[in-house]
Amino acid sequence: MAELLDVDPSTIRRWRTARPVQGPPFIQISERVTKYRPEDVERWLDGLRVVPEAA
């Protein structure tokens, strides 16, 4: 997911561990394995979208 968003993996980790949690929804498989559903990431990105003429 970091590649998709063009950010460092540590940024994704920081979003996930922040309080309150930031970033897209995730699935915690184990302490060391976290997964993201592509549709959740897309929905999260859509929510961040800014349309200039509407802003």
C-alpha atoms as a PDB file:
ATOM      1  CA  MET A   1       0.000   0.000   0.000  1.00  0.00           C
ATOM      2  CA  ALA A   2       2.883   2.387   0.673  1.00  0.00           C
ATOM      3  CA  GLU A   3       3.861   2.108  -2.988  1.00  0.00           C
ATOM      4  CA  LEU A   4       0.313   2.886  -4.122  1.00  0.00           C
ATOM      5  CA  LEU A   5       0.259   6.035  -1.982  1.00  0.00           C
ATOM      6  CA  ASP A   6       3.911   6.900  -2.705  1.00  0.00           C
ATOM      7  CA  VAL A   7       4.804   7.108   0.989  1.00  0.00           C
ATOM      8  CA  ASP A   8       7.335   5.306   3.159  1.00  0.00           C
ATOM      9  CA  PRO A   9       6.058   2.137   4.903  1.00  0.00           C
ATOM     10  CA  SER A  10       6.836   3.800   8.241  1.00  0.00           C
ATOM     11  CA  THR A  11       4.195   6.425   7.408  1.00  0.00           C
ATOM     12  CA  ILE A  12       1.552   3.714   7.027  1.00  0.00           C
ATOM     13  CA  ARG A  13       2.686   2.173  10.317  1.00  0.00           C
ATOM     14  CA  ARG A  14       2.503   5.577  12.047  1.00  0.00           C
ATOM     15  CA  TRP A  15      -1.063   6.145  10.769  1.00  0.00           C
ATOM     16  CA  ARG A  16      -2.091   2.727  12.037  1.00  0.00           C
ATOM     17  CA  THR A  17      -0.615   3.188  15.513  1.00  0.00           C
ATOM     18  CA  ALA A  18      -1.704   6.821  16.005  1.00  0.00           C
ATOM     19  CA  ARG A  19      -4.449   7.609  18.497  1.00  0.00           C
ATOM     20  CA  PRO A  20      -6.964   8.142  17.069  1.00  0.00           C
ATOM     21  CA  VAL A  21      -6.107   5.705  14.280  1.00  0.00           C
ATOM     22  CA  GLN A  22      -5.580   7.370  10.895  1.00  0.00           C
ATOM     23  CA  GLY A  23      -5.379   6.064   7.369  1.00  0.00           C
ATOM     24  CA  PRO A  24      -7.481   3.437   5.652  1.00  0.00           C
ATOM     25  CA  PRO A  25      -9.176   0.513   7.407  1.00  0.00           C
ATOM     26  CA  PHE A  26      -6.893  -2.472   7.920  1.00  0.00           C
ATOM     27  CA  ILE A  27      -6.996  -6.117   8.933  1.00  0.00           C
ATOM     28  CA  GLN A  28      -4.615  -7.168  11.712  1.00  0.00           C
ATOM     29  CA  ILE A  29      -3.702 -10.780  10.889  1.00  0.00           C
ATOM     30  CA  SER A  30      -1.084 -10.998  13.640  1.00  0.00           C
ATOM     31  CA  GLU A  31       1.185  -8.689  15.601  1.00  0.00           C
ATOM     32  CA  ARG A  32       3.503  -8.430  12.594  1.00  0.00           C
ATOM     33  CA  VAL A  33       1.106  -8.855   9.661  1.00  0.00           C
ATOM     34  CA  THR A  34      -1.368  -6.192   8.575  1.00  0.00           C
ATOM     35  CA  LYS A  35      -3.396  -6.312   5.371  1.00  0.00           C
ATOM     36  CA  TYR A  36      -5.439  -3.725   3.491  1.00  0.00           C
ATOM     37  CA  ARG A  37      -8.356  -4.409   1.164  1.00  0.00           C
ATOM     38  CA  PRO A  38      -7.948  -2.478  -2.092  1.00  0.00           C
ATOM     39  CA  GLU A  39     -11.583  -1.342  -1.987  1.00  0.00           C
ATOM     40  CA  ASP A  40     -11.084   0.056   1.554  1.00  0.00           C
ATOM     41  CA  VAL A  41      -8.032   2.013   0.427  1.00  0.00           C
ATOM     42  CA  GLU A  42      -9.922   3.368  -2.605  1.00  0.00           C
ATOM     43  CA  ARG A  43     -12.891   4.388  -0.429  1.00  0.00           C
ATOM     44  CA  TRP A  44     -10.541   6.110   2.042  1.00  0.00           C
ATOM     45  CA  LEU A  45      -8.814   7.971  -0.797  1.00  0.00           C
ATOM     46  CA  ASP A  46     -12.185   9.033  -2.228  1.00  0.00           C
ATOM     47  CA  GLY A  47     -13.029  10.533   1.158  1.00  0.00           C
ATOM     48  CA  LEU A  48      -9.852  12.654   1.040  1.00  0.00           C
ATOM     49  CA  ARG A  49     -10.485  13.887  -2.478  1.00  0.00           C
ATOM     50  CA  VAL A  50     -10.758  17.645  -2.906  1.00  0.00           C
ATOM     51  CA  VAL A  51     -12.566  19.006  -5.939  1.00  0.00           C
ATOM     52  CA  PRO A  52     -11.147  22.531  -6.479  1.00  0.00           C
ATOM     53  CA  GLU A  53     -14.339  24.150  -7.777  1.00  0.00           C
ATOM     54  CA  ALA A  54     -16.299  22.736  -4.834  1.00  0.00           C
ATOM     55  CA  ALA A  55     -13.732  23.695  -2.169  1.00  0.00           C
END
